[in-house]
């Protein structure tokens, strides 16, 4: 089974005698599936399950093949063109691997990479351009902050960023006292943004960290549900103290 086999399958699904559902899909209708499959790959990576990673990567690849088939039908490009384009780009961007160029350091290579992207039209008037608006907010904030930091717009050390977080927390508390919703939202956004900054300083991807915490929360909350079911209790009938006790048990076991 190779890539051509998969593209042939996709072509058959989109043909006149193919699948009615596949035939009616458009670039717009496929957007949610592309995003969903991407996150399922991330979840599989977090779990470290190689079989699941293989399966989810296949599902994501199918979405890419789907878009290429639509483009082929529109006489724009096909899968071969996409592969050729990315292959040429990677070779060009890595002259130290595929050529005779040598870089003195990672910083030297990064500058070359940025210059190459600019020549390709990937860099525009602002250094902040090029970060997709569709990215999850935490990840987008992280990428924007990294770009700004490259030109020196940054704190010198983590402690400075934490002091700024403390300042934002005080402003948030003041907004709560005023009970003005727009101000509360604004200050809360500043807190999130500063937390992303701190995560960057300590070398943690905020999107990954939050996703893992969510998975941890789900596991621990399911433990509470399981224990409640064993006692034939409904969660709504339990006190917060009882649920907190089960939560502590879950923290020790999960």
Foldseek 3Di string as FASTA:
>chain_A
DDPVVLLVLLLQLCDPPHPPVLVPDDPVNCVVVLVVLVVQLVVCVVVVDPVSNVVSVVSNVSSVQSHQSNCVVVVNHHPVVVVVVVVVVVCVLCCVVNHVDDAPDPVRSVVSNVVVCVVVVCDDDDLLPNQDPPDPPLQSLLVSVVSCVVVPPADPALVVLVVVLVVLVVQLVVCVVVVDVVSNVVSVVVNSSSVSNSCVRVVHRPVSVVVVVVVLVVQLVVQLVVVCVVVVHDPVPDDPVVSVVSSVVSVVVD
